[in-house]
Amino acid sequence: MELKTFRRGVHPHDGKELSNKAAIKTLNPEPGELVTIPMSQHIGAPCEPIVKPGERVLVGQKIGEAKAFVSSPVHASVSGTVKFVKPVLTPGGAMVNSVIIENDGEFEEAPEQIDAEKAIDKIKAAGIVGMGGAGFPTHVKLSPGPDSKITDIIVNAAECEPYLTCDHRCMVERGGELVDGLKIMLKLFPGAKGHIGIEANKPDAIAEMEKLTKDDSDISVVALKCKYPQGSEKQLISAITGREVPSGALPAAVGCIVDNVATVMAIRAAVSDGKALTRRVVTVTGDAVVSPSNFDVPLGMTYAKLIEAAGGFKEDPAKVISGGPMMGIALHDTEVPVTKTTSGILCLTKKAAEIPPESNCIRCGKCVEHCPMGLMPLYLNSDTLAGDDDAFIAHHGIDCIECGSCSFICPAKRQLAQSIRVNKRAVMAKLRAKGGK
């Protein structure tokens, strides 16, 4: 079998063996437990709360209204009484206005959660966003405009981030929901072909997807080489179609739409069952956890509760990360809520989390050789340290996908990705303030 891939990239230890055989377990909060629902779980404008303390809400009831085009509504994941509406610390480190619900344990569902007739309207009403981590509103991605000719719908099933296995388990256990979701997306773009791209370290998922799609000529299952960041949008498009997305452009510019496994399953639930996005599967893993697991949980449960359900810590973790080791965010508090973009909770011992001290750049060029975007991270790092925004822009720093490959491969262990990530945000904020792009 020929394995598709992209140019460059790195090969970190994947750590999948800790949880890739762990079947998904349903985990719900206890009666009386507080569930925190942030009003911003997506790229774009935050929602405005439309409920007040003392109100009873139902599962799937809209509690946050999206007033902007690039935004997404938010729904209650449990039934119960609204106790507070206030800012709360989220996994990304920001304080976000949130609705805090006291769970009544009944999980009573709103009678008609989504009543729109058209698929895009249902997807928007359901509050579906990219669940692989980016959080881009899905209804916006599925509305590329009349000038875009979409020829390929790609399901990002690579799950290239080390340790995470939630998408893998969803394909093995709930593959029919994924295929049905992809078929719904294909109906939105007549003539388009569907592709499910899966890394070769998931042979059982590849076999299951091939079995479920064997009679469908419009859907292909594409086996991908195990290489990071195989699941990055532009790299996945390159591997599957051979097309290169231009600098500053979106996948629609080359006729593609890419969505994560969980997102496509949520599309099926919204369009076929009228269900809002209120739950997701989360991997809890790492060498500091007693029983690495995959949990199906309502949004708003705390990371601490999921870690407890995985048996707790077998030794004090040196680092707890929201997401995976390459692109995740280190936490200083586990009392933060699971959101739409929470794919995993990685708990590492001191030995696994140890980062050697930085030394001087030796100009070896490894970061350039392995950068999947073809950038020069050593120069972007020096531009950042020098505060030279013009040079950072000239070296295409805005095109960095923040994958962390440069830091991983650097023999001097320089924190290239972190410095570039921070400066990229600062430079983009300055450009927006000036009215630039």
Protein backbone atom coordinates (compact mmCIF):
# COMPACT_ATOMS: atom_id res chain seq x y z
CA MET A 1 0.00 0.00 0.00
CA GLU A 2 1.41 3.38 -1.03
CA LEU A 3 1.28 5.86 1.84
CA LYS A 4 0.58 9.48 0.94
CA THR A 5 2.41 12.34 2.66
CA PHE A 6 3.67 15.93 2.35
CA ARG A 7 7.15 17.43 2.11
CA ARG A 8 9.38 17.77 5.20
CA GLY A 9 7.99 17.21 8.73
CA VAL A 10 9.26 15.30 11.79
CA HIS A 11 8.74 11.95 13.52
CA PRO A 12 8.07 12.41 17.28
CA HIS A 13 7.24 9.36 19.43
CA ASP A 14 3.50 9.06 19.00
CA GLY A 15 2.56 7.70 22.46
CA LYS A 16 -0.66 6.29 20.99
CA GLU A 17 -0.19 2.89 22.62
CA LEU A 18 -1.27 4.30 25.99
CA SER A 19 -4.89 4.83 24.95
CA ASN A 20 -5.51 3.59 21.39
CA LYS A 21 -7.11 0.36 22.66
CA ALA A 22 -9.17 2.14 25.33
CA ALA A 23 -12.83 1.99 24.28
CA ILE A 24 -14.83 5.19 24.69
CA LYS A 25 -16.56 5.45 28.08
CA THR A 26 -19.50 7.74 28.72
CA LEU A 27 -18.83 10.07 31.64
CA ASN A 28 -21.41 12.45 33.10
CA PRO A 29 -21.32 14.90 36.02
CA GLU A 30 -23.06 13.97 39.26
CA PRO A 31 -26.34 15.64 40.32
CA GLY A 32 -25.49 18.92 41.99
CA GLU A 33 -22.17 19.24 40.17
CA LEU A 34 -21.48 22.56 38.46
CA VAL A 35 -20.88 22.57 34.71
CA THR A 36 -19.18 25.59 33.15
CA ILE A 37 -20.04 26.59 29.56
CA PRO A 38 -17.77 29.36 28.16
CA MET A 39 -19.33 31.78 25.70
CA SER A 40 -16.27 31.62 23.44
CA GLN A 41 -15.28 28.14 22.24
CA HIS A 42 -14.48 29.11 18.67
CA ILE A 43 -12.59 31.49 16.41
CA GLY A 44 -14.52 34.76 16.02
CA ALA A 45 -16.77 36.87 18.20
CA PRO A 46 -17.84 35.53 21.61
CA CYS A 47 -21.50 34.74 22.21
CA GLU A 48 -23.79 36.81 24.37
CA PRO A 49 -25.44 34.89 27.25
CA ILE A 50 -29.22 34.71 26.84
CA VAL A 51 -30.02 33.06 30.18
CA LYS A 52 -29.88 34.41 33.73
CA PRO A 53 -29.19 32.94 37.18
CA GLY A 54 -32.20 31.03 38.46
CA GLU A 55 -33.42 29.86 35.04
CA ARG A 56 -33.76 26.13 34.32
CA VAL A 57 -32.15 24.99 31.10
CA LEU A 58 -32.34 21.74 29.12
CA VAL A 59 -29.75 19.74 27.18
CA GLY A 60 -29.31 21.32 23.74
CA GLN A 61 -30.99 24.59 24.72
CA LYS A 62 -29.20 27.61 23.27
CA ILE A 63 -27.69 29.67 26.08
CA GLY A 64 -25.27 31.82 24.08
CA GLU A 65 -26.31 33.84 21.02
CA ALA A 66 -23.86 34.39 18.14
CA LYS A 67 -24.35 37.96 16.92
CA ALA A 68 -21.51 38.00 14.33
CA PHE A 69 -21.07 36.02 11.10
CA VAL A 70 -17.80 34.45 12.27
CA SER A 71 -19.12 33.09 15.54
CA SER A 72 -21.05 30.07 16.74
CA PRO A 73 -23.89 29.64 19.26
CA VAL A 74 -23.38 27.76 22.52
CA HIS A 75 -25.79 25.28 24.13
CA ALA A 76 -26.37 23.70 27.53
CA SER A 77 -24.81 20.25 27.86
CA VAL A 78 -26.83 19.29 30.95
CA SER A 79 -30.24 20.12 32.33
CA GLY A 80 -30.39 22.11 35.54
CA THR A 81 -30.40 25.59 37.04
CA VAL A 82 -28.20 28.47 35.97
CA LYS A 83 -26.23 29.47 39.08
CA PHE A 84 -23.89 32.15 37.72
CA VAL A 85 -23.02 34.07 34.59
CA LYS A 86 -19.47 35.32 35.09
CA PRO A 87 -15.90 35.21 33.68
CA VAL A 88 -14.12 31.88 34.24
CA LEU A 89 -10.60 30.63 33.48
CA THR A 90 -10.51 28.48 30.32
CA PRO A 91 -7.91 25.97 29.06
CA GLY A 92 -6.36 28.61 26.79
CA GLY A 93 -5.51 30.75 29.82
CA ALA A 94 -8.10 33.48 29.19
CA MET A 95 -10.94 34.59 31.42
CA VAL A 96 -14.12 34.07 29.37
CA ASN A 97 -17.70 35.00 30.24
CA SER A 98 -19.44 31.70 31.06
CA VAL A 99 -22.78 30.22 32.04
CA ILE A 100 -22.45 27.95 35.08
CA ILE A 101 -25.20 25.34 35.45
CA GLU A 102 -25.98 23.15 38.45
CA ASN A 103 -26.63 19.74 36.94
CA ASP A 104 -29.92 18.16 38.05
CA GLY A 105 -28.90 14.68 36.84
CA GLU A 106 -31.94 14.30 34.58
CA PHE A 107 -30.33 15.24 31.21
CA GLU A 108 -33.73 16.37 29.95
CA GLU A 109 -33.45 17.45 26.33
CA ALA A 110 -34.96 20.55 24.76
CA PRO A 111 -37.92 19.36 22.63
CA GLU A 112 -36.99 20.93 19.28
CA GLN A 113 -33.34 21.77 19.54
CA ILE A 114 -32.81 22.71 15.88
CA ASP A 115 -35.79 23.44 13.65
CA ALA A 116 -34.12 24.96 10.58
CA GLU A 117 -34.78 23.13 7.29
CA LYS A 118 -31.52 23.62 5.40
CA ALA A 119 -28.36 21.72 6.28
CA ILE A 120 -26.11 24.81 6.61
CA ASP A 121 -28.68 26.48 8.85
CA LYS A 122 -28.83 23.37 11.03
CA ILE A 123 -25.04 23.22 11.28
CA LYS A 124 -24.92 26.89 12.27
CA ALA A 125 -27.76 26.53 14.75
CA ALA A 126 -26.07 23.50 16.32
CA GLY A 127 -22.98 25.53 17.19
CA ILE A 128 -20.58 23.26 15.31
CA VAL A 129 -16.96 24.38 15.07
CA GLY A 130 -13.69 22.73 14.11
CA MET A 131 -13.15 20.25 16.93
CA GLY A 132 -9.57 19.38 16.08
CA GLY A 133 -8.37 22.43 17.98
CA ALA A 134 -8.83 25.47 15.73
CA GLY A 135 -12.50 26.09 16.50
CA PHE A 136 -13.36 27.74 13.18
CA PRO A 137 -17.17 27.96 12.76
CA THR A 138 -18.15 25.12 10.42
CA HIS A 139 -21.06 26.91 8.76
CA VAL A 140 -18.61 29.59 7.58
CA LYS A 141 -16.21 26.98 6.18
CA LEU A 142 -19.11 25.30 4.34
CA SER A 143 -20.12 28.64 2.76
CA PRO A 144 -17.05 29.46 0.64
CA GLY A 145 -18.88 31.78 -1.75
CA PRO A 146 -20.08 31.52 -5.35
CA ASP A 147 -16.60 31.96 -6.84
CA SER A 148 -15.24 28.84 -5.10
CA LYS A 149 -15.57 25.54 -6.94
CA ILE A 150 -15.31 22.83 -4.28
CA THR A 151 -14.15 19.52 -5.76
CA ASP A 152 -12.85 17.66 -2.71
CA ILE A 153 -14.16 17.19 0.85
CA ILE A 154 -11.40 15.84 3.10
CA VAL A 155 -12.00 14.28 6.50
CA ASN A 156 -8.91 14.95 8.62
CA ALA A 157 -8.58 11.59 10.35
CA ALA A 158 -4.78 11.71 10.54
CA GLU A 159 -4.73 12.51 14.28
CA CYS A 160 -1.00 13.18 13.95
CA GLU A 161 -0.65 14.92 17.34
CA PRO A 162 1.20 12.47 19.61
CA TYR A 163 -0.74 10.69 22.40
CA LEU A 164 -4.25 11.66 21.23
CA THR A 165 -6.57 8.80 20.23
CA CYS A 166 -10.12 10.20 20.46
CA ASP A 167 -10.60 10.38 16.67
CA HIS A 168 -9.11 6.89 16.28
CA ARG A 169 -11.60 5.40 18.73
CA CYS A 170 -14.52 7.29 17.13
CA MET A 171 -13.68 5.75 13.75
CA VAL A 172 -13.39 2.25 15.17
CA GLU A 173 -16.52 2.44 17.35
CA ARG A 174 -18.72 5.00 15.58
CA GLY A 175 -17.50 4.92 11.99
CA GLY A 176 -20.98 4.87 10.49
CA GLU A 177 -21.70 8.31 11.96
CA LEU A 178 -18.56 9.67 10.31
CA VAL A 179 -19.43 8.27 6.89
CA ASP A 180 -23.00 9.58 7.14
CA GLY A 181 -21.66 13.03 8.07
CA LEU A 182 -19.34 13.04 5.06
CA LYS A 183 -22.24 12.07 2.76
CA ILE A 184 -24.21 15.06 4.06
CA MET A 185 -21.27 17.34 3.27
CA LEU A 186 -20.97 15.89 -0.24
CA LYS A 187 -24.64 16.71 -0.91
CA LEU A 188 -23.80 20.37 -0.28
CA PHE A 189 -21.27 20.32 -3.13
CA PRO A 190 -22.61 18.25 -6.05
CA GLY A 191 -19.85 16.53 -8.00
CA ALA A 192 -17.30 16.74 -5.17
CA LYS A 193 -15.39 13.67 -4.03
CA GLY A 194 -14.88 12.66 -0.41
CA HIS A 195 -11.58 11.49 1.09
CA ILE A 196 -10.89 10.12 4.57
CA GLY A 197 -7.18 10.58 5.33
CA ILE A 198 -5.90 8.27 8.09
CA GLU A 199 -2.32 7.76 9.27
CA ALA A 200 -1.01 4.22 8.85
CA ASN A 201 -0.61 3.71 12.62
CA LYS A 202 -4.40 3.18 12.79
CA PRO A 203 -4.85 0.00 10.69
CA ASP A 204 -8.09 -0.96 12.45
CA ALA A 205 -9.59 2.46 11.64
CA ILE A 206 -8.47 2.20 8.01
CA ALA A 207 -10.05 -1.26 7.75
CA GLU A 208 -13.31 -0.05 9.32
CA MET A 209 -13.57 2.98 7.02
CA GLU A 210 -12.81 0.86 3.96
CA LYS A 211 -15.54 -1.60 4.96
CA LEU A 212 -18.09 1.18 5.46
CA THR A 213 -17.30 2.91 2.14
CA LYS A 214 -16.60 -0.07 -0.15
CA ASP A 215 -19.83 0.47 -2.13
CA ASP A 216 -19.51 4.26 -2.41
CA SER A 217 -17.55 5.41 -5.47
CA ASP A 218 -17.54 9.03 -4.28
CA ILE A 219 -15.57 8.31 -1.09
CA SER A 220 -11.99 7.07 -0.86
CA VAL A 221 -9.98 6.07 2.19
CA VAL A 222 -6.42 7.40 1.93
CA ALA A 223 -3.66 5.80 4.01
CA LEU A 224 -1.11 8.39 5.10
CA LYS A 225 2.51 8.07 6.17
CA CYS A 226 3.04 8.59 9.91
CA LYS A 227 4.71 11.97 9.96
CA TYR A 228 4.01 15.15 11.88
CA PRO A 229 2.16 17.45 11.10
CA GLN A 230 0.35 15.20 8.62
CA GLY A 231 -3.01 16.45 9.91
CA SER A 232 -2.36 20.14 9.28
CA GLU A 233 -4.85 21.39 6.68
CA LYS A 234 -2.38 22.49 4.02
CA GLN A 235 -0.17 19.44 4.46
CA LEU A 236 -3.16 17.09 4.29
CA ILE A 237 -4.39 18.73 1.08
CA SER A 238 -0.91 18.37 -0.41
CA ALA A 239 -0.70 14.69 0.54
CA ILE A 240 -4.15 13.74 -0.78
CA THR A 241 -4.61 15.99 -3.83
CA GLY A 242 -1.11 17.19 -4.66
CA ARG A 243 -2.34 20.80 -4.57
CA GLU A 244 -0.54 23.59 -2.71
CA VAL A 245 -2.62 26.20 -0.87
CA PRO A 246 -1.13 29.65 -1.65
CA SER A 247 0.25 31.86 1.12
CA GLY A 248 -2.59 33.65 2.90
CA ALA A 249 -5.27 31.60 1.14
CA LEU A 250 -7.83 29.14 2.49
CA PRO A 251 -8.32 25.52 1.30
CA ALA A 252 -11.33 26.63 -0.75
CA ALA A 253 -8.88 28.46 -3.04
CA VAL A 254 -7.73 25.04 -4.34
CA GLY A 255 -11.20 23.47 -4.28
CA CYS A 256 -10.96 21.77 -0.89
CA ILE A 257 -12.79 21.75 2.42
CA VAL A 258 -11.16 19.96 5.35
CA ASP A 259 -12.94 18.98 8.57
CA ASN A 260 -11.93 16.90 11.57
CA VAL A 261 -13.52 13.53 12.46
CA ALA A 262 -15.46 14.88 15.45
CA THR A 263 -16.72 17.85 13.43
CA VAL A 264 -18.07 15.63 10.64
CA MET A 265 -19.81 13.42 13.22
CA ALA A 266 -21.35 16.53 14.79
CA ILE A 267 -22.64 17.57 11.34
CA ARG A 268 -24.46 14.24 11.07
CA ALA A 269 -25.99 14.67 14.52
CA ALA A 270 -27.19 18.18 13.70
CA VAL A 271 -28.63 17.51 10.24
CA SER A 272 -30.02 14.00 10.81
CA ASP A 273 -31.03 14.14 14.47
CA GLY A 274 -31.43 17.87 15.12
CA LYS A 275 -28.92 17.76 17.95
CA ALA A 276 -26.78 20.68 19.07
CA LEU A 277 -23.09 20.22 19.85
CA THR A 278 -23.09 19.53 23.60
CA ARG A 279 -20.69 16.58 24.01
CA ARG A 280 -17.37 15.38 22.67
CA VAL A 281 -14.83 12.56 23.08
CA VAL A 282 -11.66 13.48 24.98
CA THR A 283 -8.45 11.48 25.44
CA VAL A 284 -6.92 11.54 28.94
CA THR A 285 -3.43 10.12 28.74
CA GLY A 286 0.27 10.38 29.57
CA ASP A 287 2.72 8.49 31.75
CA ALA A 288 1.47 10.27 34.88
CA VAL A 289 -2.11 8.89 34.55
CA VAL A 290 -3.16 5.57 36.12
CA SER A 291 -5.52 4.43 33.31
CA PRO A 292 -5.25 6.35 30.03
CA SER A 293 -8.80 6.55 28.64
CA ASN A 294 -11.13 8.03 26.05
CA PHE A 295 -14.27 9.64 27.51
CA ASP A 296 -17.51 10.86 25.93
CA VAL A 297 -18.38 13.84 28.12
CA PRO A 298 -20.71 16.83 28.19
CA LEU A 299 -19.02 20.15 27.54
CA GLY A 300 -18.33 22.04 30.74
CA MET A 301 -17.02 19.19 32.92
CA THR A 302 -13.68 20.05 34.48
CA TYR A 303 -10.36 18.57 33.43
CA ALA A 304 -9.88 17.53 37.06
CA LYS A 305 -13.00 15.31 36.90
CA LEU A 306 -11.79 13.57 33.76
CA ILE A 307 -8.35 12.95 35.27
CA GLU A 308 -10.05 11.54 38.37
CA ALA A 309 -12.16 9.23 36.17
CA ALA A 310 -8.94 7.98 34.54
CA GLY A 311 -7.72 6.83 37.95
CA GLY A 312 -5.97 10.05 38.89
CA PHE A 313 -2.21 10.52 38.95
CA LYS A 314 0.17 7.68 39.71
CA GLU A 315 2.74 10.34 40.53
CA ASP A 316 2.66 14.11 40.62
CA PRO A 317 2.74 15.36 37.03
CA ALA A 318 5.46 17.79 36.03
CA LYS A 319 3.17 19.14 33.31
CA VAL A 320 -0.51 18.90 32.36
CA ILE A 321 -1.25 19.93 28.79
CA SER A 322 -4.55 20.77 27.12
CA GLY A 323 -4.15 18.95 23.80
CA GLY A 324 -0.99 17.15 22.71
CA PRO A 325 2.71 17.77 23.33
CA MET A 326 3.41 19.54 20.02
CA MET A 327 0.63 22.15 19.88
CA GLY A 328 -1.08 21.89 23.27
CA ILE A 329 -1.15 24.51 26.02
CA ALA A 330 0.42 23.82 29.42
CA LEU A 331 -2.02 24.34 32.30
CA HIS A 332 -1.43 25.67 35.79
CA ASP A 333 -4.91 24.66 36.96
CA THR A 334 -7.04 21.61 36.07
CA GLU A 335 -10.25 23.25 37.31
CA VAL A 336 -11.00 24.44 33.79
CA PRO A 337 -13.92 23.29 31.60
CA VAL A 338 -13.91 20.92 28.64
CA THR A 339 -14.81 22.95 25.55
CA LYS A 340 -15.65 22.17 21.93
CA THR A 341 -11.94 22.20 21.04
CA THR A 342 -10.70 19.99 23.92
CA SER A 343 -9.30 16.91 22.19
CA GLY A 344 -7.08 15.65 24.97
CA ILE A 345 -5.56 16.10 28.42
CA LEU A 346 -1.92 15.02 28.53
CA CYS A 347 -0.31 14.43 31.93
CA LEU A 348 3.47 13.97 31.91
CA THR A 349 5.97 12.98 34.59
CA LYS A 350 9.14 14.97 35.16
CA LYS A 351 11.12 12.52 33.04
CA ALA A 352 8.74 12.75 30.06
CA ALA A 353 8.29 16.54 30.31
CA GLU A 354 11.94 17.47 30.74
CA ILE A 355 13.10 20.18 28.34
CA PRO A 356 16.90 20.65 28.09
CA PRO A 357 18.18 24.22 28.42
CA GLU A 358 18.58 26.32 25.29
CA SER A 359 21.98 26.78 23.73
CA ASN A 360 23.21 28.97 20.92
CA CYS A 361 21.92 28.36 17.38
CA ILE A 362 24.58 26.50 15.37
CA ARG A 363 23.03 27.37 12.00
CA CYS A 364 22.64 23.67 11.14
CA GLY A 365 19.51 24.31 9.08
CA LYS A 366 17.50 21.42 10.55
CA CYS A 367 14.57 23.70 11.39
CA VAL A 368 14.49 24.87 7.76
CA GLU A 369 14.85 21.34 6.42
CA HIS A 370 11.90 20.02 8.44
CA CYS A 371 9.51 23.02 8.47
CA PRO A 372 6.35 21.78 6.66
CA MET A 373 5.67 25.32 5.42
CA GLY A 374 9.15 25.81 3.99
CA LEU A 375 9.94 28.71 6.34
CA MET A 376 13.21 29.64 8.05
CA PRO A 377 12.43 29.38 11.79
CA LEU A 378 15.96 30.38 12.86
CA TYR A 379 15.50 33.76 11.19
CA LEU A 380 11.97 34.17 12.51
CA ASN A 381 13.32 33.49 15.99
CA SER A 382 16.09 36.08 15.59
CA ASP A 383 13.60 38.59 14.11
CA THR A 384 11.43 38.06 17.18
CA LEU A 385 14.30 38.53 19.63
CA ALA A 386 15.41 41.66 17.78
CA GLY A 387 11.86 43.08 17.69
CA ASP A 388 12.10 43.47 13.91
CA ASP A 389 8.49 43.13 12.75
CA ASP A 390 9.28 44.07 9.13
CA ALA A 391 11.85 41.25 8.85
CA PHE A 392 9.43 38.83 10.54
CA ILE A 393 6.78 39.65 7.91
CA ALA A 394 9.34 39.49 5.08
CA HIS A 395 10.36 36.02 6.26
CA HIS A 396 6.67 34.96 6.04
CA GLY A 397 6.22 34.55 9.80
CA ILE A 398 2.46 35.00 9.39
CA ASP A 399 2.40 31.71 7.43
CA CYS A 400 3.73 29.71 10.40
CA ILE A 401 1.22 27.00 11.38
CA GLU A 402 2.72 26.77 14.91
CA CYS A 403 3.20 23.01 14.65
CA GLY A 404 6.35 22.92 16.79
CA SER A 405 8.40 20.83 14.34
CA CYS A 406 11.26 23.35 14.50
CA SER A 407 11.55 23.18 18.29
CA PHE A 408 11.34 19.38 18.20
CA ILE A 409 14.16 18.96 15.69
CA CYS A 410 16.46 21.75 16.94
CA PRO A 411 19.69 20.22 18.37
CA ALA A 412 20.25 23.40 20.41
CA LYS A 413 16.76 22.94 21.93
CA ARG A 414 15.84 26.53 21.18
CA GLN A 415 12.21 27.44 21.85
CA LEU A 416 11.65 28.47 18.26
CA ALA A 417 7.94 27.68 17.98
CA GLN A 418 7.00 29.43 21.20
CA SER A 419 8.83 32.65 20.29
CA ILE A 420 7.38 32.65 16.77
CA ARG A 421 3.87 31.91 18.05
CA VAL A 422 3.92 34.81 20.53
CA ASN A 423 5.41 37.26 18.02
CA LYS A 424 3.02 36.19 15.27
CA ARG A 425 0.07 37.13 17.45
CA ALA A 426 1.62 40.48 18.33
CA VAL A 427 2.45 41.31 14.71
CA MET A 428 -1.05 40.33 13.50
CA ALA A 429 -2.62 42.50 16.20
CA LYS A 430 -0.54 45.48 15.02
CA LEU A 431 -1.52 44.85 11.41
CA ARG A 432 -5.21 44.71 12.37
CA ALA A 433 -4.86 47.94 14.33
CA LYS A 434 -3.40 49.58 11.22
CA GLY A 435 -6.18 48.20 9.06
CA GLY A 436 -3.95 45.64 7.37
CA LYS A 437 -4.61 41.96 6.78
